[in-house]
Protein backbone atom coordinates (compact mmCIF):
# COMPACT_ATOMS: atom_id res chain seq x y z
CA MET A 1 168.77 78.56 26.03
CA ALA A 2 166.94 78.36 29.36
CA ARG A 3 163.45 76.93 29.33
CA SER A 4 162.43 79.14 32.23
CA PHE A 5 163.43 82.63 33.28
CA HIS A 6 163.13 83.92 36.85
CA VAL A 7 162.53 87.60 37.71
CA GLU A 8 163.27 88.82 41.25
CA MET A 9 161.95 92.28 42.13
CA ILE A 10 163.37 93.99 45.22
CA LYS A 11 162.42 97.39 46.65
CA PRO A 12 165.60 98.40 48.52
CA SER A 13 165.58 100.13 51.89
CA HIS A 14 168.44 102.37 53.01
CA TYR A 15 171.05 102.52 55.78
CA ASP A 16 170.59 104.14 59.18
CA ASP A 17 173.26 106.27 60.85
CA ASP A 18 174.92 103.11 62.26
CA GLY A 19 175.12 101.58 58.80
CA TYR A 20 172.36 98.99 59.23
CA VAL A 21 169.60 98.47 56.68
CA ILE A 22 166.36 99.95 58.00
CA GLN A 23 163.95 97.01 58.10
CA TRP A 24 161.19 95.73 60.33
CA TRP A 25 159.24 92.61 61.17
CA LYS A 26 156.23 94.55 59.85
CA ALA A 27 156.58 97.75 57.81
CA SER A 28 153.96 100.49 57.69
CA ILE A 29 154.17 102.17 54.25
CA PRO A 30 153.65 99.98 51.16
CA SER A 31 155.69 100.27 47.98
CA ASN A 32 153.45 101.08 45.04
CA SER A 33 156.42 100.83 42.67
CA LEU A 34 156.90 97.21 43.71
CA ALA A 35 153.19 96.44 43.38
CA SER A 36 153.09 98.09 39.95
CA LEU A 37 156.10 96.28 38.51
CA TYR A 38 155.06 92.95 40.01
CA ALA A 39 151.68 93.16 38.25
CA ILE A 40 153.30 94.32 34.99
CA VAL A 41 155.79 91.42 34.94
CA GLN A 42 153.05 88.97 35.89
CA ALA A 43 150.90 90.17 32.99
CA ALA A 44 153.89 90.02 30.64
CA ALA A 45 154.66 86.44 31.71
CA ALA A 46 151.18 85.38 30.61
CA ASN A 47 152.01 86.56 27.06
CA HIS A 48 155.14 84.34 26.83
CA PRO A 49 157.34 87.11 25.37
CA LEU A 50 160.40 84.82 25.47
CA GLY A 51 158.73 82.18 23.36
CA PRO A 52 155.85 79.72 23.80
CA ASP A 53 158.07 77.14 25.49
CA VAL A 54 159.77 79.52 27.95
CA SER A 55 157.97 80.20 31.23
CA ILE A 56 158.62 83.30 33.32
CA THR A 57 158.51 82.93 37.11
CA LEU A 58 158.63 85.89 39.46
CA ASP A 59 158.71 87.08 43.04
CA GLY A 60 158.79 90.47 44.75
CA TRP A 61 160.14 91.70 48.08
CA ASP A 62 160.17 94.93 50.07
CA GLU A 63 163.47 95.11 51.94
CA CYS A 64 161.80 97.32 54.56
CA ASN A 65 160.06 94.17 55.86
CA THR A 66 162.19 91.35 54.45
CA VAL A 67 165.82 90.34 54.94
CA ILE A 68 167.29 89.86 51.47
CA ARG A 69 169.72 86.96 51.09
CA GLU A 70 171.65 87.46 47.88
CA ASP A 71 172.77 83.83 47.82
CA ARG A 72 169.19 82.56 48.01
CA VAL A 73 168.08 84.92 45.24
CA ALA A 74 170.98 83.66 43.13
CA ASP A 75 170.03 80.03 43.86
CA ARG A 76 166.46 80.63 42.68
CA ILE A 77 167.69 82.18 39.45
CA LYS A 78 170.20 79.37 38.92
CA ALA A 79 167.53 76.74 39.55
CA ALA A 80 165.33 78.35 36.89
CA GLY A 81 168.15 78.24 34.39
CA GLY A 82 168.46 82.01 34.13
CA GLY A 83 166.94 85.27 35.29
CA ILE A 84 167.35 88.87 36.32
CA VAL A 85 167.06 91.11 39.38
CA PHE A 86 165.03 94.32 39.19
CA LEU A 87 165.80 96.86 41.93
CA VAL A 88 162.51 98.72 41.97
CA GLY A 89 161.40 102.27 42.72
CA VAL A 90 164.82 103.30 44.03
CA GLN A 91 164.78 106.77 45.61
CA SER A 92 167.94 108.84 46.04
CA ASN A 93 168.46 107.78 49.66
CA GLN A 94 168.08 104.13 48.63
CA PHE A 95 170.50 104.26 45.72
CA PRO A 96 173.67 103.38 47.71
CA ARG A 97 171.94 100.31 49.14
CA ALA A 98 170.64 99.38 45.68
CA VAL A 99 174.17 99.57 44.25
CA ASP A 100 175.51 97.41 47.10
CA LEU A 101 172.85 94.80 46.33
CA GLY A 102 173.57 95.12 42.62
CA ARG A 103 177.29 94.63 43.20
CA ALA A 104 176.61 91.40 45.11
CA PHE A 105 174.39 90.06 42.33
CA ARG A 106 176.79 91.09 39.56
CA ALA A 107 179.58 89.23 41.39
CA ARG A 108 177.41 86.12 40.99
CA GLY A 109 176.98 86.76 37.29
CA ILE A 110 173.36 87.94 37.52
CA ASP A 111 171.96 90.76 35.41
CA VAL A 112 170.66 93.74 37.41
CA VAL A 113 168.43 96.66 36.45
CA ILE A 114 167.91 99.69 38.72
CA GLY A 115 164.87 101.93 38.15
CA GLY A 116 163.05 104.56 40.16
CA PHE A 117 163.08 108.23 40.98
CA HIS A 118 166.82 108.64 41.46
CA VAL A 119 167.77 107.33 38.04
CA SER A 120 164.83 109.04 36.34
CA GLY A 121 165.36 112.33 38.19
CA CYS A 122 169.05 112.52 37.34
CA LEU A 123 168.49 111.71 33.67
CA SER A 124 165.63 114.20 33.40
CA MET A 125 167.38 117.21 34.97
CA LEU A 126 171.16 116.83 34.68
CA PRO A 127 173.23 117.31 31.50
CA THR A 128 175.67 114.51 32.38
CA LEU A 129 175.57 111.35 34.46
CA PRO A 130 176.46 111.94 38.12
CA PRO A 131 179.30 109.80 39.55
CA ASP A 132 177.01 107.37 41.41
CA LEU A 133 175.09 106.45 38.25
CA GLN A 134 178.33 106.05 36.32
CA ALA A 135 179.69 103.80 39.09
CA ALA A 136 176.62 101.59 38.73
CA LEU A 137 177.15 101.37 34.96
CA ASP A 138 180.81 100.45 35.57
CA LEU A 139 179.59 97.46 37.59
CA GLY A 140 177.55 96.29 34.62
CA ILE A 141 174.26 97.40 36.15
CA THR A 142 171.57 98.59 33.73
CA LEU A 143 169.71 101.84 34.46
CA PHE A 144 166.02 102.28 33.63
CA ALA A 145 164.40 105.74 33.49
CA GLY A 146 160.68 106.26 33.05
CA GLU A 147 157.72 103.95 33.59
CA ALA A 148 157.56 100.21 32.92
CA GLU A 149 154.11 99.96 31.33
CA GLU A 150 154.45 98.87 27.67
CA ARG A 151 158.25 98.46 28.12
CA ILE A 152 158.81 95.35 30.18
CA GLU A 153 158.40 92.68 27.51
CA SER A 154 161.16 94.09 25.31
CA LEU A 155 163.40 94.51 28.36
CA LEU A 156 162.86 90.86 29.34
CA GLN A 157 163.64 89.79 25.79
CA ASP A 158 166.92 91.73 25.84
CA ALA A 159 167.84 90.18 29.20
CA TYR A 160 166.97 86.67 28.00
CA ARG A 161 169.20 87.08 24.94
CA GLY A 162 172.01 88.58 27.04
CA GLU A 163 171.71 91.89 25.18
CA LEU A 164 170.76 94.37 27.91
CA LYS A 165 171.56 97.99 27.08
CA PRO A 166 173.40 100.12 29.66
CA ILE A 167 170.52 102.65 29.84
CA TYR A 168 166.84 102.53 28.94
CA ASN A 169 165.37 106.03 28.89
CA TYR A 170 161.63 106.44 28.33
CA LEU A 171 161.15 109.78 30.08
CA ASN A 172 159.96 111.48 26.91
CA ASP A 173 157.34 108.83 26.20
CA LEU A 174 155.17 108.42 29.28
CA PRO A 175 152.47 105.75 28.86
CA SER A 176 148.73 106.18 29.22
CA LEU A 177 147.15 104.57 32.28
CA GLN A 178 143.85 103.82 30.53
CA GLY A 179 143.50 100.04 30.68
CA ALA A 180 147.03 99.67 32.07
CA VAL A 181 147.89 96.79 34.38
CA ALA A 182 146.86 97.72 37.93
CA PRO A 183 149.27 97.45 40.89
CA LEU A 184 148.84 94.27 42.92
CA LEU A 185 151.10 92.27 45.23
CA PRO A 186 150.28 88.74 46.45
CA ALA A 187 148.37 88.65 49.73
CA GLU A 188 151.29 87.03 51.57
CA ARG A 189 153.47 90.04 50.70
CA LEU A 190 150.82 92.50 51.89
CA GLU A 191 150.72 90.60 55.20
CA ARG A 192 154.21 91.96 55.84
CA TYR A 193 152.67 95.39 56.44
CA SER A 194 150.80 96.19 59.63
CA PRO A 195 147.94 96.43 59.10
CA PRO A 196 147.90 94.78 55.65
CA ILE A 197 147.55 97.60 53.13
CA GLY A 198 147.33 97.78 49.36
CA SER A 199 148.45 100.68 47.22
CA PHE A 200 147.67 102.00 43.78
CA ASP A 201 148.06 105.14 41.73
CA ALA A 202 144.72 106.30 40.35
CA GLY A 203 146.71 108.79 38.31
CA ARG A 204 150.16 110.26 37.76
CA GLY A 205 151.46 113.76 37.17
CA CYS A 206 151.00 117.05 39.02
CA PRO A 207 150.17 120.47 37.50
CA PHE A 208 152.07 122.56 40.04
CA GLN A 209 155.68 123.79 39.94
CA CYS A 210 157.12 123.30 43.45
CA SER A 211 160.88 123.72 43.11
CA PHE A 212 161.72 121.01 45.64
CA CYS A 213 159.55 118.36 43.95
CA THR A 214 160.80 115.53 41.71
CA ILE A 215 157.36 114.22 40.69
CA ILE A 216 156.73 116.90 38.06
CA ASN A 217 160.05 116.24 36.33
CA VAL A 218 159.70 112.44 36.31
CA GLN A 219 155.96 111.79 35.93
CA GLY A 220 155.16 115.06 34.20
CA ARG A 221 152.68 117.85 34.88
CA LYS A 222 149.87 116.44 32.75
CA SER A 223 147.21 114.33 34.48
CA ARG A 224 147.26 110.68 33.36
CA HIS A 225 144.63 108.61 35.09
CA ARG A 226 143.03 105.20 35.37
CA SER A 227 139.37 104.69 34.55
CA ALA A 228 136.74 104.02 37.19
CA ASP A 229 136.48 100.47 35.77
CA ASP A 230 140.21 99.93 36.31
CA VAL A 231 140.02 101.18 39.91
CA GLU A 232 136.99 99.01 40.67
CA ALA A 233 138.75 95.93 39.29
CA LEU A 234 141.90 96.48 41.36
CA LEU A 235 139.88 97.16 44.51
CA ARG A 236 137.92 93.94 44.03
CA ALA A 237 141.14 92.00 43.48
CA HIS A 238 142.48 93.28 46.82
CA LEU A 239 139.18 92.79 48.66
CA ALA A 240 139.08 89.17 47.49
CA GLU A 241 142.39 88.71 49.35
CA GLY A 242 141.02 90.30 52.52
CA VAL A 243 142.78 93.67 52.07
CA THR A 244 140.53 96.53 53.18
CA ARG A 245 143.01 99.42 53.62
CA PHE A 246 144.53 101.33 50.74
CA PHE A 247 147.01 104.10 50.05
CA ILE A 248 146.14 106.01 46.86
CA THR A 249 149.61 107.20 45.94
CA ASP A 250 148.74 110.01 43.50
CA ASP A 251 150.94 112.96 44.41
CA ASP A 252 147.78 115.07 44.26
CA PHE A 253 144.57 113.03 43.90
CA ALA A 254 142.49 116.22 43.67
CA ARG A 255 144.19 117.08 40.36
CA ASN A 256 143.45 113.68 38.88
CA ARG A 257 141.02 114.64 36.12
CA ASN A 258 139.01 111.48 36.79
CA TRP A 259 138.70 111.92 40.57
CA GLU A 260 134.92 112.30 40.59
CA ALA A 261 134.16 109.28 38.43
CA ILE A 262 136.53 107.19 40.55
CA LEU A 263 135.01 108.35 43.84
CA ASP A 264 131.47 107.88 42.52
CA ARG A 265 132.29 104.29 41.58
CA ILE A 266 133.80 103.60 45.00
CA ILE A 267 130.77 105.13 46.73
CA GLU A 268 128.50 102.94 44.61
CA MET A 269 130.47 99.82 45.60
CA ARG A 270 130.25 100.68 49.26
CA GLU A 271 126.58 101.66 49.30
CA ARG A 272 125.21 99.06 46.89
CA GLU A 273 127.13 96.07 48.27
CA GLY A 274 127.93 97.14 51.81
CA LEU A 275 131.68 96.78 51.23
CA ASN A 276 133.75 98.20 54.06
CA PHE A 277 137.17 99.54 53.16
CA GLY A 278 139.07 102.78 53.62
CA PHE A 279 141.96 104.73 52.17
CA LEU A 280 144.49 107.52 52.59
CA ILE A 281 145.01 110.20 49.92
CA GLN A 282 147.39 113.09 49.20
CA VAL A 283 146.03 116.44 48.02
CA ASP A 284 147.03 120.08 47.74
CA ALA A 285 145.94 122.83 50.12
CA GLN A 286 143.28 124.13 47.72
CA ALA A 287 141.55 120.79 47.10
CA TYR A 288 138.87 121.51 49.71
CA ARG A 289 137.52 124.28 47.47
CA ILE A 290 136.60 121.85 44.67
CA PRO A 291 132.80 121.41 44.86
CA ASN A 292 131.80 118.09 46.49
CA PHE A 293 135.41 116.87 46.66
CA VAL A 294 135.76 116.62 50.44
CA GLU A 295 132.26 115.21 50.92
CA LYS A 296 132.74 112.53 48.26
CA CYS A 297 136.12 111.56 49.69
CA LYS A 298 134.42 110.88 53.01
CA LYS A 299 131.53 108.92 51.47
CA ALA A 300 134.03 106.82 49.51
CA GLY A 301 135.83 105.81 52.71
CA CYS A 302 138.69 108.28 53.04
CA SER A 303 139.79 108.38 56.67
CA ARG A 304 143.06 110.30 56.38
CA VAL A 305 144.42 112.97 54.10
CA PHE A 306 147.98 114.22 53.63
CA ILE A 307 148.38 117.90 52.74
CA GLY A 308 151.63 119.72 52.04
CA LEU A 309 151.45 122.88 54.16
CA GLU A 310 155.25 123.18 53.92
CA THR A 311 155.47 126.51 55.80
CA ILE A 312 153.46 129.39 57.23
CA ASN A 313 155.90 131.96 55.83
CA ALA A 314 154.56 133.54 52.62
CA ALA A 315 158.03 134.49 51.36
CA ASN A 316 159.16 130.88 51.66
CA LEU A 317 156.17 129.65 49.66
CA LEU A 318 156.98 132.14 46.92
CA ALA A 319 160.62 131.05 46.85
CA ALA A 320 159.54 127.41 46.48
CA LYS A 321 157.05 128.29 43.69
CA LYS A 322 154.24 126.84 45.82
CA ARG A 323 151.80 129.57 44.87
CA GLN A 324 148.78 127.29 45.29
CA ASN A 325 149.11 127.47 49.08
CA LYS A 326 147.22 130.35 50.69
CA ILE A 327 148.31 130.72 54.30
CA GLU A 328 145.31 132.86 55.21
CA LYS A 329 143.09 129.93 54.19
CA TYR A 330 144.91 127.20 56.12
CA ARG A 331 142.54 127.19 59.11
CA GLU A 332 139.45 127.19 56.91
CA MET A 333 140.92 124.38 54.81
CA LEU A 334 141.79 122.16 57.78
CA GLN A 335 138.39 122.73 59.34
CA ALA A 336 136.72 121.61 56.10
CA TRP A 337 138.41 118.21 56.29
CA ARG A 338 137.73 117.88 60.01
CA ALA A 339 134.05 118.73 59.51
CA VAL A 340 133.53 115.41 57.71
CA GLY A 341 135.62 113.41 60.20
CA ILE A 342 138.84 113.02 58.18
CA ILE A 343 142.13 113.15 60.09
CA THR A 344 144.71 115.55 58.63
CA PHE A 345 148.40 114.78 58.18
CA CYS A 346 150.43 117.77 57.03
CA GLY A 347 153.97 118.08 55.74
CA TYR A 348 156.14 120.90 57.07
CA ILE A 349 159.56 121.69 55.57
CA LEU A 350 162.36 123.27 57.57
CA GLY A 351 165.13 125.21 55.87
CA PHE A 352 163.51 127.53 53.35
CA PRO A 353 165.52 130.72 52.60
CA GLU A 354 163.72 132.89 55.16
CA ASP A 355 163.96 130.33 57.97
CA THR A 356 166.14 130.71 61.04
CA ALA A 357 166.27 128.48 64.09
CA GLU A 358 164.27 131.02 66.08
CA SER A 359 161.69 131.68 63.35
CA ILE A 360 161.07 127.95 62.96
CA LYS A 361 160.45 127.52 66.69
CA HIS A 362 158.12 130.53 66.68
CA ASP A 363 156.21 129.30 63.64
CA ILE A 364 155.67 125.86 65.17
CA GLU A 365 154.20 127.47 68.29
CA THR A 366 151.94 129.59 66.08
CA LEU A 367 150.86 126.54 64.16
CA LYS A 368 150.13 124.61 67.38
CA ARG A 369 148.00 127.44 68.69
CA GLU A 370 146.16 128.58 65.58
CA LEU A 371 145.83 125.68 63.11
CA PRO A 372 143.90 122.43 63.74
CA VAL A 373 146.49 120.10 62.22
CA ASP A 374 146.27 116.60 63.65
CA CYS A 375 149.64 115.06 62.74
CA LEU A 376 152.50 117.21 61.52
CA GLU A 377 155.36 115.62 59.58
CA PHE A 378 158.66 117.52 59.58
CA PHE A 379 161.21 117.37 56.76
CA ILE A 380 164.53 119.05 56.08
CA LEU A 381 164.54 120.93 52.78
CA THR A 382 166.67 118.67 50.59
CA PRO A 383 167.87 119.24 47.01
CA LEU A 384 166.65 115.90 45.68
CA PRO A 385 168.08 114.86 42.31
CA GLY A 386 165.29 115.41 39.83
CA SER A 387 164.11 118.63 41.43
CA GLU A 388 164.62 122.18 40.17
CA ASP A 389 166.41 123.00 43.44
CA HIS A 390 169.02 120.30 42.82
CA GLN A 391 169.42 121.29 39.18
CA LYS A 392 170.09 124.94 40.08
CA LEU A 393 172.61 124.10 42.80
CA SER A 394 174.36 121.65 40.48
CA LYS A 395 174.63 124.21 37.67
CA ALA A 396 175.92 126.84 40.11
CA GLY A 397 178.54 124.47 41.50
CA VAL A 398 177.17 124.73 45.03
CA ALA A 399 178.51 122.04 47.36
CA MET A 400 176.05 119.26 48.17
CA ASN A 401 176.47 116.14 50.25
CA PRO A 402 177.88 113.44 47.92
CA ASP A 403 176.38 110.61 50.01
CA MET A 404 172.94 109.89 48.57
CA ASN A 405 172.08 107.76 51.61
CA GLU A 406 171.55 111.02 53.52
CA TYR A 407 169.03 112.42 51.02
CA ASP A 408 166.21 111.06 53.20
CA LEU A 409 164.81 114.48 54.26
CA GLU A 410 166.28 113.92 57.74
CA HIS A 411 169.84 115.09 57.10
CA VAL A 412 171.32 118.42 56.01
CA CYS A 413 172.67 118.05 52.47
CA THR A 414 173.72 121.59 51.55
CA ALA A 415 174.49 124.91 53.24
CA HIS A 416 171.87 127.40 54.44
CA SER A 417 172.42 131.16 54.37
CA ARG A 418 170.93 131.79 57.83
CA MET A 419 171.64 128.59 59.78
CA SER A 420 174.74 126.49 60.37
CA GLU A 421 174.43 122.76 59.76
CA PRO A 422 174.26 121.95 63.52
CA GLU A 423 171.58 124.64 64.01
CA TRP A 424 169.52 123.34 61.09
CA LEU A 425 169.74 119.70 62.16
CA GLY A 426 169.14 120.65 65.79
CA VAL A 427 165.98 122.63 65.12
CA TYR A 428 164.66 119.74 62.98
CA GLN A 429 165.20 117.27 65.80
CA GLN A 430 163.68 119.67 68.32
CA ALA A 431 160.62 120.25 66.11
CA TRP A 432 159.33 116.73 66.85
CA THR A 433 159.46 117.15 70.62
CA GLN A 434 158.16 120.72 70.36
CA TYR A 435 155.05 119.71 68.44
CA TYR A 436 154.49 116.31 70.09
CA SER A 437 154.83 117.45 73.68
CA PHE A 438 152.36 115.77 76.04
CA GLU A 439 150.70 119.14 76.53
CA HIS A 440 150.04 119.47 72.82
CA ILE A 441 149.06 115.81 72.44
CA GLU A 442 146.35 116.55 75.00
CA THR A 443 145.26 119.60 72.99
CA LEU A 444 145.13 117.54 69.79
CA LEU A 445 142.99 114.89 71.46
CA ARG A 446 140.67 117.54 72.95
CA ARG A 447 140.19 119.02 69.49
CA ALA A 448 139.51 115.57 68.05
CA VAL A 449 136.84 114.79 70.66
CA ALA A 450 135.27 118.23 70.23
CA ASP A 451 135.07 117.86 66.43
CA GLY A 452 133.93 114.24 66.47
CA LEU A 453 137.12 112.77 65.00
CA PRO A 454 138.04 109.17 65.97
CA ALA A 455 140.18 110.01 69.00
CA LYS A 456 141.57 106.51 69.52
CA ARG A 457 142.73 106.26 65.92
CA LEU A 458 144.36 109.68 66.16
CA MET A 459 145.99 108.74 69.47
CA LEU A 460 147.71 105.74 67.86
CA SER A 461 149.07 107.97 65.08
CA LEU A 462 150.29 110.52 67.63
CA VAL A 463 152.15 107.79 69.49
CA VAL A 464 153.91 106.74 66.27
CA PHE A 465 154.79 110.31 65.26
CA CYS A 466 156.00 111.11 68.76
CA GLY A 467 157.74 107.81 69.39
CA MET A 468 159.66 107.10 66.19
CA PRO A 469 161.85 110.24 66.23
CA LEU A 470 162.20 110.15 70.01
CA ILE A 471 162.82 106.43 70.56
CA GLU A 472 163.96 104.95 67.22
CA LYS A 473 165.67 108.16 66.02
CA ILE A 474 163.98 107.73 62.67
CA HIS A 475 161.30 109.52 60.64
CA PRO A 476 157.82 108.06 61.29
CA LEU A 477 157.33 107.36 57.57
CA GLN A 478 160.30 104.99 57.73
CA GLY A 479 158.93 103.25 60.80
CA GLY A 480 157.46 99.85 61.45
CA TYR A 481 157.03 97.21 64.13
CA VAL A 482 160.03 95.47 65.78
CA ARG A 483 163.29 96.60 64.21
CA GLN A 484 165.48 93.99 62.51
CA ARG A 485 169.25 94.31 62.14
CA VAL A 486 171.48 91.91 60.24
CA ARG A 487 175.24 92.15 60.81
CA ARG A 488 176.19 90.97 57.33
CA THR A 489 174.18 93.71 55.61
CA ARG A 490 175.91 96.55 57.41
CA ARG A 491 177.03 99.24 55.00
CA PRO A 492 180.53 98.70 53.60
CA GLY A 493 182.93 101.15 55.18
CA ALA A 494 180.83 101.70 58.33
CA PRO A 495 182.99 102.26 61.45
CA ARG A 496 184.17 99.02 63.05
CA SER A 497 183.69 98.26 66.74
CA LEU A 498 183.54 95.25 69.05
CA VAL A 499 179.77 95.55 69.37
CA HIS A 500 179.31 95.37 65.61
CA ASP A 501 182.03 92.82 64.85
CA ILE A 502 181.54 90.17 67.57
CA PRO A 503 178.24 88.27 67.12
CA PRO A 504 177.39 87.69 70.81
CA LEU A 505 177.96 91.36 71.63
CA PHE A 506 176.00 92.44 68.58
CA TYR A 507 172.94 90.35 69.38
CA ALA A 508 173.04 91.32 73.06
CA TRP A 509 173.16 94.98 72.01
CA HIS A 510 170.41 94.60 69.42
CA TRP A 511 167.92 92.68 71.55
CA SER A 512 168.51 94.75 74.69
CA ASN A 513 167.89 97.88 72.60
CA THR A 514 164.78 96.31 71.13
CA LEU A 515 163.45 95.48 74.60
CA ILE A 516 164.21 98.94 76.00
CA LYS A 517 162.60 100.67 73.02
CA GLY A 518 159.58 98.40 73.26
CA VAL A 519 159.11 99.33 76.91
CA LYS A 520 159.47 103.05 76.11
CA LEU A 521 156.93 102.81 73.32
CA GLY A 522 154.55 100.89 75.57
CA LEU A 523 154.82 103.55 78.27
CA LEU A 524 154.21 106.27 75.69
CA LEU A 525 151.10 104.47 74.48
CA TRP A 526 149.87 103.97 78.05
CA ARG A 527 150.33 107.66 78.89
CA ALA A 528 148.65 108.83 75.67
CA ASP A 529 145.70 106.51 76.26
CA ARG A 530 145.27 107.87 79.80
CA ILE A 531 145.14 111.38 78.35
CA ARG A 532 142.58 110.27 75.78
CA ARG A 533 140.29 108.67 78.36
CA ARG A 534 140.48 111.74 80.62
CA VAL A 535 139.84 114.11 77.73
CA GLU A 536 136.77 112.14 76.60
CA ALA A 537 135.36 112.12 80.13
CA GLU A 538 135.97 115.83 80.69
CA HIS A 539 134.42 116.80 77.35
CA LYS A 540 131.11 115.25 78.44
CA VAL A 541 131.06 117.70 81.36
CA THR A 542 132.65 120.76 79.76
CA PRO A 543 132.78 120.86 75.93
CA TYR A 544 136.16 122.00 74.64
CA THR A 545 136.96 124.68 72.08
CA ASP A 546 139.91 126.88 71.16
CA LEU A 547 141.01 129.30 68.46
CA ALA A 548 142.09 126.62 65.99
CA ILE A 549 138.72 124.84 65.89
CA SER A 550 136.50 127.89 66.33
CA ARG A 551 134.46 128.31 63.17
CA VAL A 552 136.06 130.74 60.73
CA THR A 553 133.87 133.73 59.90
CA GLN A 554 134.45 136.88 57.92
CA SER A 555 134.81 138.83 61.14
CA THR A 556 137.28 136.49 62.83
CA GLY A 557 139.59 136.15 59.81
CA THR A 558 142.46 133.70 59.67
CA ASP A 559 145.62 135.79 59.67
CA LEU A 560 148.35 133.87 61.46
CA ASP A 561 150.85 135.30 63.90
CA THR A 562 153.92 134.82 61.71
CA GLU A 563 156.06 137.60 63.17
CA PRO A 564 158.38 136.59 66.02
CA GLU A 565 158.21 138.87 69.03
CA VAL A 566 161.08 141.32 69.23
CA PRO A 567 162.21 142.04 72.81
CA ALA A 568 161.71 145.66 73.81
CA LEU A 569 164.89 147.70 74.17
CA GLU A 570 165.92 148.39 77.74
CA THR A 571 165.93 152.07 78.69
CA ALA A 572 169.00 153.73 80.14
CA ALA A 573 167.27 154.03 83.50
CA GLU A 574 166.59 150.29 83.59
């Protein structure tokens, strides 16, 4: 029996349209799943679950900012005398890459476990295993559904004895978060994000019923939350490592039953000790109506908030069971966040039943004119495994794209009744340039200066949200700094060509592209900064206002122009 046991945790990325793994020198969005499991395994190792004379060593990697060498991982496990690879937090679009990694490790005789939303979503909502999960089992890969708290020690014991089960399913027994191990990655791993950023879930679960959501069917609809003591401890652990930016990953922090106690504790830390740190949260569109919620978020250091607007079409909201969104209150809601200086990021989904290419274009123009959204994030409506939408289509036998790599909210994965696939994909791609035109970027910066928002910080976000789809052809949430491509990790079966197959041609292509894209991004930043400087100077002379930031009153109302104009019929005389 081995006297040590090595655990490698890897958060897989996924493949781009050319078949290359999407990874960067520095990534932008942290993986809370990786941070959670790393801390759980680290805590388990301290308890010596494999015996008092067996030590557990561990390491964790985010493939979005790290090139994974399967041979080096295997060497570390071999040097330890044994071990296992955990593929962590695997989403549907990352599952093909996870299986490719798993296949490489299994070929070297290493045990592999895949967990995350794809496995959990499929097991929670489908009556039988889909082909991709069965293919993973056929490779000898173990599947893990549910959450790892309170489960990892027994799993490690099974792996150490060589007795791993094909499937571990804990979906019906979700653990409490009270006193649970808090997410934490080593500081050197957090340095691989720019800027360094920590993440943690203050709670899990969401009470709403959105049909496109997987959260409610994997983490449940009941609020499970950490205590204020737990949150303070994890914040101090990060601050001791010099990390001052955080992403609170709760799907809806406003519905965390302990939100006020947590915010009060954070406010106390900041005010009593002068600690300076900030965070991003996700909330629903009605959160601003909770007494003191917005104000306490600001006092606690919240600088950005993500809100799922999804659409400005009431029929679409009803179809998606997103009844908590009140379109007539959108402007009032956005103004409430802006009033305390918090920048708003809003999700907008394209492809609901009532959408057409023309209605989407019209609605985006309405939104630009009438709602003070700062950054708008576009997504294609996708039947994600684990969602009610996917379950219904699967039961009805409706055709869906079999390639999970394309379930990234950027590709069309099923048919639409009112748009062809090219129309749907085309209007999605056009939405980015329509919203992030230089004309509208100027309007957004004028609104920011007028409302006292940090214009320079917003400008940098606008450059990213404009530049990533336009220059890198990738969603901003998958972005980072300086793209990396590795020939050997190209997706199996990707089209062959001289550029991809001959190393000198490949590296010439890659680095010339990198240089060209860097120049384009630099020019975009330069132009946006010129607009910002001009806007700030002009506002000192002539203060700016428009419909979107004009204070909502009972007389003005907030009804949006959601009806496309219908051209008048030509008369016979004309």
